[in-house]
Amino acid sequence: MEISGYGPSEGSSKSVGSDKSSSAVDLTKTFQSIMLVMAMQKEADPIIENLKMEMIPKADAFGDLPFRAYSTKKKGRNFYIIVPGEDTRYSLAKGGHPTNVGTQPAAVATALGIMKFSPDLILNAGTAGSRNEKIQVGDVVVSNGMVKFHDRNIPFDGYDEYGAGNYPTLKVPPELISQLDVKEGNISTGNSFIDSDQ
């Protein structure tokens, strides 16, 4: 089976599993180091607890930056979770500080994680909303191959499509989608909360 992805050169691919006739996918053949980037600590905590991950000391991770890193090793594979942390310049009415959500903290956290841990596979996971009535609370949705921006508008000649994004993601094979019992859909990202169809 082939999973097409985008690494140093667009269109590169990684082989997953040696038996192409089998529906089972053996990720240990290719991905030995997997990094999850998650926007909020509350999203990451259940995975951290379930995998019994340990927080990497700041001195060994990102120093004085607010980003947090967790790691564990399971079945010969290294797992990492990167969380952007909090912005201590601001305070919440209920106490604590707002989380560094948004595309910029995610991009910086991902870049730092790549430089520090050299992962074979990066997953951006977390909670999200949907305007599609077929998507229900609790559904897991994977990208259908592209990620777009839903709030970046550059109304100049040649920049409208650039502003929309169209960034390629790893295309998940249909048999793997069926095996995992997840849904496939259009994924968008941005820095604005969407509360209408407009």
N, C-alpha and C. Protein backbone atom coordinates (compact mmCIF):
# COMPACT_ATOMS: atom_id res chain seq x y z
N MET A 1 0.84 -1.19 0.00
CA MET A 1 0.00 0.00 0.00
C MET A 1 0.87 1.24 0.00
N GLU A 2 0.48 2.25 -0.71
CA GLU A 2 1.22 3.51 -0.73
C GLU A 2 0.38 4.61 -0.10
N ILE A 3 0.99 5.38 0.79
CA ILE A 3 0.36 6.60 1.29
C ILE A 3 1.16 7.76 0.74
N SER A 4 0.52 8.57 -0.09
CA SER A 4 1.22 9.70 -0.68
C SER A 4 1.22 10.86 0.29
N GLY A 5 2.38 11.45 0.46
CA GLY A 5 2.50 12.60 1.36
C GLY A 5 3.37 13.65 0.73
N TYR A 6 3.67 14.68 1.50
CA TYR A 6 4.47 15.78 0.99
C TYR A 6 5.57 16.06 1.99
N GLY A 7 6.79 15.75 1.58
CA GLY A 7 7.93 15.96 2.45
C GLY A 7 8.83 17.01 1.84
N PRO A 8 10.13 16.74 1.75
CA PRO A 8 11.05 17.70 1.17
C PRO A 8 10.69 18.08 -0.26
N SER A 9 10.13 17.13 -1.02
CA SER A 9 9.70 17.44 -2.38
C SER A 9 8.27 17.00 -2.57
N GLU A 10 7.45 17.87 -3.15
CA GLU A 10 6.04 17.57 -3.30
C GLU A 10 5.85 16.32 -4.16
N GLY A 11 4.92 15.46 -3.70
CA GLY A 11 4.64 14.25 -4.46
C GLY A 11 5.44 13.05 -4.02
N SER A 12 6.29 13.21 -3.00
CA SER A 12 7.03 12.06 -2.51
C SER A 12 6.07 11.11 -1.84
N SER A 13 6.44 9.84 -1.72
CA SER A 13 5.54 8.88 -1.10
C SER A 13 6.31 7.98 -0.16
N LYS A 14 5.57 7.42 0.80
CA LYS A 14 6.15 6.46 1.72
C LYS A 14 5.36 5.18 1.63
N SER A 15 6.05 4.05 1.61
CA SER A 15 5.37 2.78 1.57
C SER A 15 4.94 2.40 2.98
N VAL A 16 3.72 1.93 3.08
CA VAL A 16 3.20 1.51 4.37
C VAL A 16 2.77 0.05 4.25
N GLY A 17 3.48 -0.83 4.93
CA GLY A 17 3.13 -2.25 4.86
C GLY A 17 3.79 -2.93 3.68
N SER A 18 4.21 -4.15 3.87
CA SER A 18 4.90 -4.86 2.80
C SER A 18 3.95 -5.74 2.00
N ASP A 19 2.81 -6.11 2.59
CA ASP A 19 1.86 -6.97 1.90
C ASP A 19 0.75 -6.13 1.30
N LYS A 20 0.84 -5.86 -0.01
CA LYS A 20 -0.12 -4.97 -0.65
C LYS A 20 -1.50 -5.61 -0.78
N SER A 21 -1.60 -6.91 -0.59
CA SER A 21 -2.89 -7.56 -0.70
C SER A 21 -3.65 -7.53 0.62
N SER A 22 -2.97 -7.16 1.70
CA SER A 22 -3.59 -7.17 3.02
C SER A 22 -4.25 -5.83 3.30
N SER A 23 -5.40 -5.87 4.01
CA SER A 23 -6.08 -4.63 4.37
C SER A 23 -5.49 -4.03 5.64
N ALA A 24 -4.70 -4.81 6.39
CA ALA A 24 -4.08 -4.30 7.60
C ALA A 24 -2.91 -3.40 7.24
N VAL A 25 -2.78 -2.30 7.94
CA VAL A 25 -1.71 -1.34 7.68
C VAL A 25 -0.72 -1.37 8.83
N ASP A 26 0.51 -1.72 8.54
CA ASP A 26 1.56 -1.82 9.55
C ASP A 26 2.41 -0.55 9.51
N LEU A 27 2.08 0.41 10.37
CA LEU A 27 2.78 1.69 10.35
C LEU A 27 4.19 1.59 10.91
N THR A 28 4.51 0.50 11.62
CA THR A 28 5.85 0.39 12.20
C THR A 28 6.91 0.26 11.12
N LYS A 29 6.52 -0.12 9.90
CA LYS A 29 7.49 -0.29 8.82
C LYS A 29 8.06 1.06 8.37
N THR A 30 7.28 2.13 8.56
CA THR A 30 7.70 3.43 8.04
C THR A 30 7.88 4.49 9.13
N PHE A 31 6.89 4.64 9.99
CA PHE A 31 6.89 5.75 10.94
C PHE A 31 7.41 5.30 12.31
N GLN A 32 8.65 5.66 12.60
CA GLN A 32 9.24 5.31 13.88
C GLN A 32 9.15 6.45 14.89
N SER A 33 8.88 7.66 14.41
CA SER A 33 8.78 8.83 15.27
C SER A 33 7.57 9.65 14.84
N ILE A 34 6.60 9.77 15.73
CA ILE A 34 5.33 10.42 15.40
C ILE A 34 5.11 11.59 16.35
N MET A 35 4.79 12.75 15.78
CA MET A 35 4.56 13.96 16.57
C MET A 35 3.15 14.48 16.37
N LEU A 36 2.44 14.68 17.46
CA LEU A 36 1.12 15.29 17.43
C LEU A 36 1.25 16.75 17.86
N VAL A 37 0.64 17.64 17.10
CA VAL A 37 0.58 19.05 17.47
C VAL A 37 -0.88 19.34 17.82
N MET A 38 -1.10 19.82 19.04
CA MET A 38 -2.46 20.05 19.51
C MET A 38 -2.57 21.47 20.06
N ALA A 39 -3.71 22.12 19.81
CA ALA A 39 -3.85 23.54 20.15
C ALA A 39 -4.02 23.77 21.64
N MET A 40 -4.73 22.89 22.32
CA MET A 40 -5.07 23.15 23.71
C MET A 40 -4.64 22.00 24.62
N GLN A 41 -4.22 22.38 25.82
CA GLN A 41 -3.77 21.38 26.79
C GLN A 41 -4.90 20.38 27.12
N LYS A 42 -6.13 20.89 27.23
CA LYS A 42 -7.26 20.01 27.57
C LYS A 42 -7.51 18.96 26.49
N GLU A 43 -7.18 19.29 25.24
CA GLU A 43 -7.31 18.32 24.16
C GLU A 43 -6.23 17.25 24.26
N ALA A 44 -5.05 17.67 24.68
CA ALA A 44 -3.90 16.77 24.73
C ALA A 44 -3.90 15.88 25.97
N ASP A 45 -4.47 16.36 27.08
CA ASP A 45 -4.37 15.65 28.35
C ASP A 45 -4.85 14.20 28.31
N PRO A 46 -6.01 13.89 27.68
CA PRO A 46 -6.43 12.47 27.66
C PRO A 46 -5.43 11.56 26.95
N ILE A 47 -4.80 12.06 25.87
CA ILE A 47 -3.81 11.24 25.15
C ILE A 47 -2.56 11.09 26.00
N ILE A 48 -2.13 12.19 26.61
CA ILE A 48 -0.95 12.16 27.48
C ILE A 48 -1.14 11.15 28.61
N GLU A 49 -2.34 11.16 29.20
CA GLU A 49 -2.64 10.24 30.31
C GLU A 49 -2.73 8.80 29.81
N ASN A 50 -3.41 8.60 28.68
CA ASN A 50 -3.61 7.24 28.16
C ASN A 50 -2.29 6.59 27.76
N LEU A 51 -1.40 7.38 27.15
CA LEU A 51 -0.10 6.85 26.71
C LEU A 51 0.97 6.94 27.78
N LYS A 52 0.58 7.49 28.96
CA LYS A 52 1.53 7.66 30.07
C LYS A 52 2.77 8.44 29.62
N MET A 53 2.52 9.56 28.97
CA MET A 53 3.61 10.39 28.46
C MET A 53 4.21 11.25 29.57
N GLU A 54 5.48 11.55 29.43
CA GLU A 54 6.20 12.39 30.40
C GLU A 54 6.48 13.75 29.77
N MET A 55 6.33 14.81 30.58
CA MET A 55 6.68 16.14 30.08
C MET A 55 8.20 16.26 29.97
N ILE A 56 8.67 16.75 28.85
CA ILE A 56 10.10 16.97 28.65
C ILE A 56 10.47 18.28 29.32
N PRO A 57 11.48 18.29 30.18
CA PRO A 57 11.87 19.54 30.87
C PRO A 57 12.13 20.66 29.87
N LYS A 58 11.77 21.88 30.27
CA LYS A 58 11.93 23.04 29.38
C LYS A 58 13.35 23.15 28.84
N ALA A 59 14.33 22.89 29.68
CA ALA A 59 15.73 23.01 29.26
C ALA A 59 16.06 22.04 28.13
N ASP A 60 15.35 20.91 28.07
CA ASP A 60 15.60 19.91 27.04
C ASP A 60 14.66 20.04 25.85
N ALA A 61 13.72 20.97 25.96
CA ALA A 61 12.74 21.14 24.88
C ALA A 61 12.89 22.51 24.24
N PHE A 62 12.10 23.49 24.70
CA PHE A 62 12.06 24.78 24.01
C PHE A 62 12.49 25.96 24.88
N GLY A 63 13.20 25.68 25.96
CA GLY A 63 13.74 26.75 26.80
C GLY A 63 12.65 27.61 27.40
N ASP A 64 12.80 28.93 27.26
CA ASP A 64 11.87 29.89 27.88
C ASP A 64 10.59 30.10 27.08
N LEU A 65 10.48 29.50 25.91
CA LEU A 65 9.26 29.62 25.13
C LEU A 65 8.11 28.89 25.84
N PRO A 66 6.88 29.32 25.61
CA PRO A 66 5.76 28.73 26.34
C PRO A 66 5.37 27.32 25.90
N PHE A 67 5.90 26.85 24.79
CA PHE A 67 5.50 25.55 24.25
C PHE A 67 5.91 24.40 25.18
N ARG A 68 5.04 23.39 25.27
CA ARG A 68 5.30 22.23 26.10
C ARG A 68 5.44 20.99 25.22
N ALA A 69 6.32 20.10 25.64
CA ALA A 69 6.55 18.87 24.88
C ALA A 69 6.44 17.66 25.81
N TYR A 70 5.82 16.61 25.29
CA TYR A 70 5.65 15.36 26.03
C TYR A 70 6.15 14.22 25.16
N SER A 71 6.62 13.15 25.79
CA SER A 71 7.13 12.03 24.99
C SER A 71 6.88 10.70 25.68
N THR A 72 6.89 9.65 24.86
CA THR A 72 6.85 8.29 25.35
C THR A 72 7.34 7.38 24.24
N LYS A 73 7.58 6.13 24.57
CA LYS A 73 7.98 5.15 23.56
C LYS A 73 7.07 3.94 23.69
N LYS A 74 6.43 3.56 22.59
CA LYS A 74 5.52 2.43 22.56
C LYS A 74 5.84 1.55 21.37
N LYS A 75 6.05 0.25 21.63
CA LYS A 75 6.28 -0.72 20.58
C LYS A 75 7.38 -0.28 19.60
N GLY A 76 8.44 0.29 20.15
CA GLY A 76 9.58 0.68 19.34
C GLY A 76 9.44 2.01 18.63
N ARG A 77 8.33 2.72 18.86
CA ARG A 77 8.12 4.01 18.20
C ARG A 77 8.15 5.14 19.23
N ASN A 78 8.72 6.26 18.83
CA ASN A 78 8.73 7.45 19.68
C ASN A 78 7.51 8.30 19.38
N PHE A 79 6.78 8.70 20.43
CA PHE A 79 5.63 9.57 20.29
C PHE A 79 5.89 10.88 21.01
N TYR A 80 5.54 11.97 20.36
CA TYR A 80 5.67 13.30 20.96
C TYR A 80 4.35 14.05 20.82
N ILE A 81 4.05 14.86 21.81
CA ILE A 81 2.95 15.81 21.71
C ILE A 81 3.50 17.20 22.00
N ILE A 82 3.17 18.13 21.11
CA ILE A 82 3.56 19.53 21.30
C ILE A 82 2.30 20.35 21.53
N VAL A 83 2.30 21.14 22.61
CA VAL A 83 1.19 22.03 22.93
C VAL A 83 1.74 23.45 23.03
N PRO A 84 1.08 24.44 22.39
CA PRO A 84 1.62 25.81 22.38
C PRO A 84 1.69 26.50 23.73
N GLY A 85 1.02 25.99 24.76
CA GLY A 85 1.08 26.61 26.07
C GLY A 85 0.17 27.82 26.19
N GLU A 86 0.46 28.69 27.16
CA GLU A 86 -0.41 29.82 27.46
C GLU A 86 0.30 31.15 27.24
N ASP A 87 -0.52 32.18 27.01
CA ASP A 87 0.00 33.55 26.90
C ASP A 87 -0.24 34.24 28.24
N THR A 88 0.81 34.36 29.04
CA THR A 88 0.68 34.88 30.41
C THR A 88 0.48 36.39 30.45
N ARG A 89 0.51 37.05 29.28
CA ARG A 89 0.24 38.50 29.26
C ARG A 89 -1.22 38.80 29.53
N TYR A 90 -2.09 37.80 29.35
CA TYR A 90 -3.52 38.01 29.51
C TYR A 90 -4.07 37.06 30.56
N SER A 91 -5.21 37.44 31.16
CA SER A 91 -5.83 36.63 32.19
C SER A 91 -7.28 36.36 31.84
N LEU A 92 -7.76 35.19 32.24
CA LEU A 92 -9.15 34.82 32.04
C LEU A 92 -9.95 35.15 33.29
N ALA A 93 -11.23 35.48 33.10
CA ALA A 93 -12.08 35.84 34.24
C ALA A 93 -12.17 34.71 35.25
N LYS A 94 -12.15 33.46 34.76
CA LYS A 94 -12.27 32.30 35.65
C LYS A 94 -10.92 31.86 36.21
N GLY A 95 -9.87 32.63 35.89
CA GLY A 95 -8.54 32.29 36.35
C GLY A 95 -7.69 31.65 35.27
N GLY A 96 -6.40 31.75 35.40
CA GLY A 96 -5.50 31.19 34.40
C GLY A 96 -5.29 32.15 33.24
N HIS A 97 -4.71 31.64 32.18
CA HIS A 97 -4.35 32.44 31.02
C HIS A 97 -4.88 31.78 29.74
N PRO A 98 -5.12 32.60 28.70
CA PRO A 98 -5.59 32.01 27.43
C PRO A 98 -4.51 31.15 26.77
N THR A 99 -4.98 30.08 26.12
CA THR A 99 -4.08 29.20 25.39
C THR A 99 -3.63 29.87 24.10
N ASN A 100 -2.42 29.59 23.68
CA ASN A 100 -1.90 30.13 22.41
C ASN A 100 -2.53 29.40 21.23
N VAL A 101 -3.80 29.70 20.96
CA VAL A 101 -4.48 29.07 19.83
C VAL A 101 -4.24 29.89 18.57
N GLY A 102 -4.50 29.28 17.42
CA GLY A 102 -4.35 29.99 16.15
C GLY A 102 -3.25 29.39 15.30
N THR A 103 -3.21 29.86 14.05
CA THR A 103 -2.28 29.28 13.09
C THR A 103 -0.82 29.64 13.37
N GLN A 104 -0.57 30.84 13.90
CA GLN A 104 0.83 31.22 14.14
C GLN A 104 1.48 30.38 15.23
N PRO A 105 0.85 30.25 16.43
CA PRO A 105 1.46 29.36 17.44
C PRO A 105 1.61 27.93 16.95
N ALA A 106 0.62 27.44 16.18
CA ALA A 106 0.70 26.07 15.66
C ALA A 106 1.87 25.92 14.71
N ALA A 107 2.09 26.92 13.85
CA ALA A 107 3.18 26.86 12.89
C ALA A 107 4.54 26.88 13.59
N VAL A 108 4.66 27.77 14.59
CA VAL A 108 5.92 27.86 15.33
C VAL A 108 6.18 26.58 16.12
N ALA A 109 5.13 26.07 16.79
CA ALA A 109 5.28 24.84 17.56
C ALA A 109 5.68 23.67 16.67
N THR A 110 5.08 23.60 15.49
CA THR A 110 5.40 22.52 14.56
C THR A 110 6.85 22.62 14.08
N ALA A 111 7.26 23.84 13.71
CA ALA A 111 8.64 24.04 13.24
C ALA A 111 9.65 23.68 14.32
N LEU A 112 9.38 24.12 15.55
CA LEU A 112 10.30 23.81 16.65
C LEU A 112 10.34 22.30 16.92
N GLY A 113 9.17 21.66 16.85
CA GLY A 113 9.11 20.22 17.07
C GLY A 113 9.88 19.44 16.01
N ILE A 114 9.79 19.90 14.76
CA ILE A 114 10.53 19.25 13.68
C ILE A 114 12.04 19.37 13.92
N MET A 115 12.48 20.57 14.28
CA MET A 115 13.91 20.78 14.51
C MET A 115 14.43 19.98 15.70
N LYS A 116 13.58 19.84 16.72
CA LYS A 116 14.03 19.18 17.95
C LYS A 116 13.93 17.67 17.87
N PHE A 117 12.84 17.14 17.27
CA PHE A 117 12.57 15.71 17.36
C PHE A 117 12.65 14.97 16.03
N SER A 118 12.74 15.67 14.90
CA SER A 118 12.85 15.05 13.57
C SER A 118 11.82 13.94 13.35
N PRO A 119 10.53 14.23 13.50
CA PRO A 119 9.52 13.17 13.35
C PRO A 119 9.38 12.68 11.92
N ASP A 120 8.99 11.42 11.77
CA ASP A 120 8.68 10.86 10.46
C ASP A 120 7.28 11.25 10.00
N LEU A 121 6.40 11.45 10.98
CA LEU A 121 5.00 11.78 10.69
C LEU A 121 4.52 12.83 11.66
N ILE A 122 3.81 13.85 11.15
CA ILE A 122 3.23 14.90 11.99
C ILE A 122 1.72 14.86 11.84
N LEU A 123 1.04 14.82 12.98
CA LEU A 123 -0.42 14.86 13.01
C LEU A 123 -0.87 16.12 13.73
N ASN A 124 -1.75 16.87 13.11
CA ASN A 124 -2.38 18.01 13.77
C ASN A 124 -3.78 17.56 14.16
N ALA A 125 -4.00 17.43 15.45
CA ALA A 125 -5.27 16.86 15.91
C ALA A 125 -5.89 17.76 16.97
N GLY A 126 -7.21 17.70 17.04
CA GLY A 126 -7.91 18.48 18.05
C GLY A 126 -9.38 18.55 17.75
N THR A 127 -10.08 19.31 18.56
CA THR A 127 -11.52 19.47 18.36
C THR A 127 -11.77 20.57 17.34
N ALA A 128 -12.89 20.45 16.64
CA ALA A 128 -13.26 21.45 15.63
C ALA A 128 -14.77 21.41 15.43
N GLY A 129 -15.29 22.45 14.82
CA GLY A 129 -16.72 22.49 14.50
C GLY A 129 -16.95 22.17 13.04
N SER A 130 -18.22 22.02 12.68
CA SER A 130 -18.57 21.73 11.30
C SER A 130 -19.91 22.36 10.97
N ARG A 131 -20.03 22.85 9.73
CA ARG A 131 -21.31 23.36 9.24
C ARG A 131 -22.04 22.27 8.45
N ASN A 132 -21.43 21.10 8.35
CA ASN A 132 -22.01 19.98 7.62
C ASN A 132 -22.87 19.15 8.57
N GLU A 133 -24.15 19.03 8.28
CA GLU A 133 -25.06 18.31 9.17
C GLU A 133 -24.75 16.82 9.24
N LYS A 134 -23.98 16.29 8.27
CA LYS A 134 -23.63 14.87 8.28
C LYS A 134 -22.52 14.58 9.29
N ILE A 135 -21.84 15.62 9.74
CA ILE A 135 -20.78 15.45 10.73
C ILE A 135 -21.38 15.67 12.11
N GLN A 136 -21.31 14.65 12.94
CA GLN A 136 -21.90 14.70 14.27
C GLN A 136 -20.82 14.88 15.34
N VAL A 137 -21.24 15.36 16.52
CA VAL A 137 -20.31 15.50 17.64
C VAL A 137 -19.69 14.13 17.95
N GLY A 138 -18.39 14.10 18.05
CA GLY A 138 -17.67 12.85 18.32
C GLY A 138 -17.11 12.17 17.09
N ASP A 139 -17.53 12.61 15.88
CA ASP A 139 -16.98 12.04 14.66
C ASP A 139 -15.52 12.42 14.49
N VAL A 140 -14.74 11.51 13.92
CA VAL A 140 -13.35 11.80 13.57
C VAL A 140 -13.30 12.04 12.06
N VAL A 141 -12.75 13.20 11.68
CA VAL A 141 -12.70 13.58 10.27
C VAL A 141 -11.25 13.78 9.85
N VAL A 142 -10.86 13.15 8.74
CA VAL A 142 -9.52 13.34 8.19
C VAL A 142 -9.62 14.17 6.92
N SER A 143 -8.55 14.86 6.60
CA SER A 143 -8.53 15.72 5.42
C SER A 143 -8.67 14.91 4.14
N ASN A 144 -9.38 15.49 3.17
CA ASN A 144 -9.51 14.83 1.87
C ASN A 144 -8.35 15.18 0.94
N GLY A 145 -7.30 15.79 1.49
CA GLY A 145 -6.11 16.05 0.69
C GLY A 145 -5.65 17.48 0.67
N MET A 146 -6.51 18.41 1.09
CA MET A 146 -6.15 19.83 1.07
C MET A 146 -6.66 20.52 2.34
N VAL A 147 -5.94 21.53 2.78
CA VAL A 147 -6.38 22.40 3.87
C VAL A 147 -6.46 23.82 3.32
N LYS A 148 -7.56 24.50 3.62
CA LYS A 148 -7.76 25.88 3.16
C LYS A 148 -7.86 26.82 4.36
N PHE A 149 -7.69 28.10 4.09
CA PHE A 149 -7.95 29.13 5.09
C PHE A 149 -9.39 29.60 4.94
N HIS A 150 -10.10 29.76 6.04
CA HIS A 150 -11.47 30.26 5.93
C HIS A 150 -11.59 31.75 6.27
N ASP A 151 -10.50 32.38 6.65
CA ASP A 151 -10.61 33.79 7.03
C ASP A 151 -9.46 34.65 6.50
N ARG A 152 -8.78 34.17 5.46
CA ARG A 152 -7.69 34.97 4.89
C ARG A 152 -8.13 35.51 3.54
N ASN A 153 -8.30 36.79 3.46
CA ASN A 153 -8.81 37.44 2.25
C ASN A 153 -7.78 38.44 1.74
N ILE A 154 -7.24 38.17 0.54
CA ILE A 154 -6.27 39.08 -0.10
C ILE A 154 -6.82 39.41 -1.48
N PRO A 155 -7.68 40.44 -1.59
CA PRO A 155 -8.41 40.70 -2.84
C PRO A 155 -7.60 41.45 -3.91
N PHE A 156 -6.48 40.88 -4.27
CA PHE A 156 -5.65 41.47 -5.32
C PHE A 156 -5.38 40.43 -6.40
N ASP A 157 -5.09 40.92 -7.59
CA ASP A 157 -4.87 40.04 -8.74
C ASP A 157 -3.79 39.00 -8.43
N GLY A 158 -4.15 37.74 -8.56
CA GLY A 158 -3.20 36.65 -8.35
C GLY A 158 -3.06 36.21 -6.91
N TYR A 159 -3.64 36.98 -5.99
CA TYR A 159 -3.50 36.66 -4.58
C TYR A 159 -4.73 36.00 -3.97
N ASP A 160 -5.85 35.99 -4.70
CA ASP A 160 -7.06 35.42 -4.12
C ASP A 160 -6.91 33.93 -3.87
N GLU A 161 -6.37 33.19 -4.84
CA GLU A 161 -6.16 31.75 -4.64
C GLU A 161 -5.06 31.48 -3.63
N TYR A 162 -4.01 32.31 -3.67
CA TYR A 162 -2.95 32.18 -2.68
C TYR A 162 -3.52 32.37 -1.28
N GLY A 163 -4.38 33.33 -1.11
CA GLY A 163 -4.99 33.60 0.19
C GLY A 163 -5.83 32.46 0.69
N ALA A 164 -6.45 31.72 -0.24
CA ALA A 164 -7.30 30.59 0.16
C ALA A 164 -6.49 29.41 0.69
N GLY A 165 -5.22 29.35 0.32
CA GLY A 165 -4.35 28.31 0.87
C GLY A 165 -4.15 27.13 -0.05
N ASN A 166 -5.04 26.13 0.03
CA ASN A 166 -4.89 24.89 -0.74
C ASN A 166 -3.58 24.18 -0.44
N TYR A 167 -3.32 23.94 0.85
CA TYR A 167 -2.09 23.26 1.24
C TYR A 167 -2.31 21.75 1.25
N PRO A 168 -1.44 21.00 0.57
CA PRO A 168 -1.63 19.54 0.49
C PRO A 168 -1.34 18.86 1.82
N THR A 169 -2.13 17.84 2.12
CA THR A 169 -1.92 17.02 3.30
C THR A 169 -1.74 15.57 2.86
N LEU A 170 -1.35 14.72 3.80
CA LEU A 170 -1.23 13.31 3.50
C LEU A 170 -2.61 12.78 3.13
N LYS A 171 -2.72 12.16 1.97
CA LYS A 171 -3.98 11.61 1.49
C LYS A 171 -4.18 10.22 2.06
N VAL A 172 -5.19 10.09 2.91
CA VAL A 172 -5.44 8.81 3.57
C VAL A 172 -6.16 7.87 2.59
N PRO A 173 -5.64 6.66 2.37
CA PRO A 173 -6.27 5.73 1.44
C PRO A 173 -7.67 5.35 1.89
N PRO A 174 -8.60 5.15 0.93
CA PRO A 174 -9.98 4.77 1.28
C PRO A 174 -10.07 3.54 2.17
N GLU A 175 -9.21 2.54 1.93
CA GLU A 175 -9.28 1.32 2.73
C GLU A 175 -8.90 1.58 4.18
N LEU A 176 -7.98 2.57 4.41
CA LEU A 176 -7.60 2.90 5.78
C LEU A 176 -8.72 3.70 6.46
N ILE A 177 -9.39 4.58 5.70
CA ILE A 177 -10.53 5.31 6.24
C ILE A 177 -11.62 4.34 6.70
N SER A 178 -11.86 3.32 5.88
CA SER A 178 -12.86 2.31 6.22
C SER A 178 -12.43 1.49 7.42
N GLN A 179 -11.15 1.14 7.45
CA GLN A 179 -10.61 0.31 8.54
C GLN A 179 -10.70 1.05 9.87
N LEU A 180 -10.44 2.34 9.86
CA LEU A 180 -10.46 3.14 11.09
C LEU A 180 -11.85 3.66 11.43
N ASP A 181 -12.80 3.52 10.50
CA ASP A 181 -14.17 3.99 10.69
C ASP A 181 -14.21 5.48 10.99
N VAL A 182 -13.53 6.26 10.14
CA VAL A 182 -13.54 7.71 10.26
C VAL A 182 -14.17 8.31 9.01
N LYS A 183 -14.37 9.61 9.01
CA LYS A 183 -14.97 10.29 7.87
C LYS A 183 -13.92 11.17 7.19
N GLU A 184 -14.15 11.45 5.92
CA GLU A 184 -13.26 12.28 5.14
C GLU A 184 -13.99 13.57 4.79
N GLY A 185 -13.28 14.71 4.84
CA GLY A 185 -13.97 15.95 4.54
C GLY A 185 -13.03 17.09 4.25
N ASN A 186 -13.62 18.24 3.89
CA ASN A 186 -12.85 19.46 3.66
C ASN A 186 -12.43 20.04 5.00
N ILE A 187 -11.16 20.35 5.13
CA ILE A 187 -10.63 20.91 6.36
C ILE A 187 -10.20 22.35 6.10
N SER A 188 -10.64 23.26 6.97
CA SER A 188 -10.19 24.64 6.86
C SER A 188 -9.60 25.07 8.19
N THR A 189 -8.76 26.08 8.14
CA THR A 189 -8.13 26.60 9.35
C THR A 189 -8.13 28.11 9.29
N GLY A 190 -7.90 28.73 10.42
CA GLY A 190 -7.88 30.18 10.45
C GLY A 190 -7.72 30.68 11.87
N ASN A 191 -7.93 31.96 12.03
CA ASN A 191 -7.77 32.60 13.34
C ASN A 191 -9.05 33.28 13.80
N SER A 192 -10.16 32.96 13.17
CA SER A 192 -11.45 33.54 13.54
C SER A 192 -12.43 32.44 13.87
N PHE A 193 -13.27 32.68 14.88
CA PHE A 193 -14.31 31.74 15.24
C PHE A 193 -15.47 31.85 14.25
N ILE A 194 -15.88 30.73 13.70
CA ILE A 194 -16.95 30.72 12.71
C ILE A 194 -18.27 30.36 13.39
N ASP A 195 -19.25 31.28 13.33
CA ASP A 195 -20.54 31.01 13.97
C ASP A 195 -21.71 31.23 13.03
N SER A 196 -21.43 31.23 11.70
CA SER A 196 -22.51 31.37 10.73
C SER A 196 -22.06 30.71 9.42
N ASP A 197 -22.99 30.59 8.48
CA ASP A 197 -22.69 29.99 7.17
C ASP A 197 -22.08 31.01 6.22
N GLN A 198 -22.00 32.26 6.62
CA GLN A 198 -21.48 33.31 5.72
C GLN A 198 -19.96 33.23 5.63
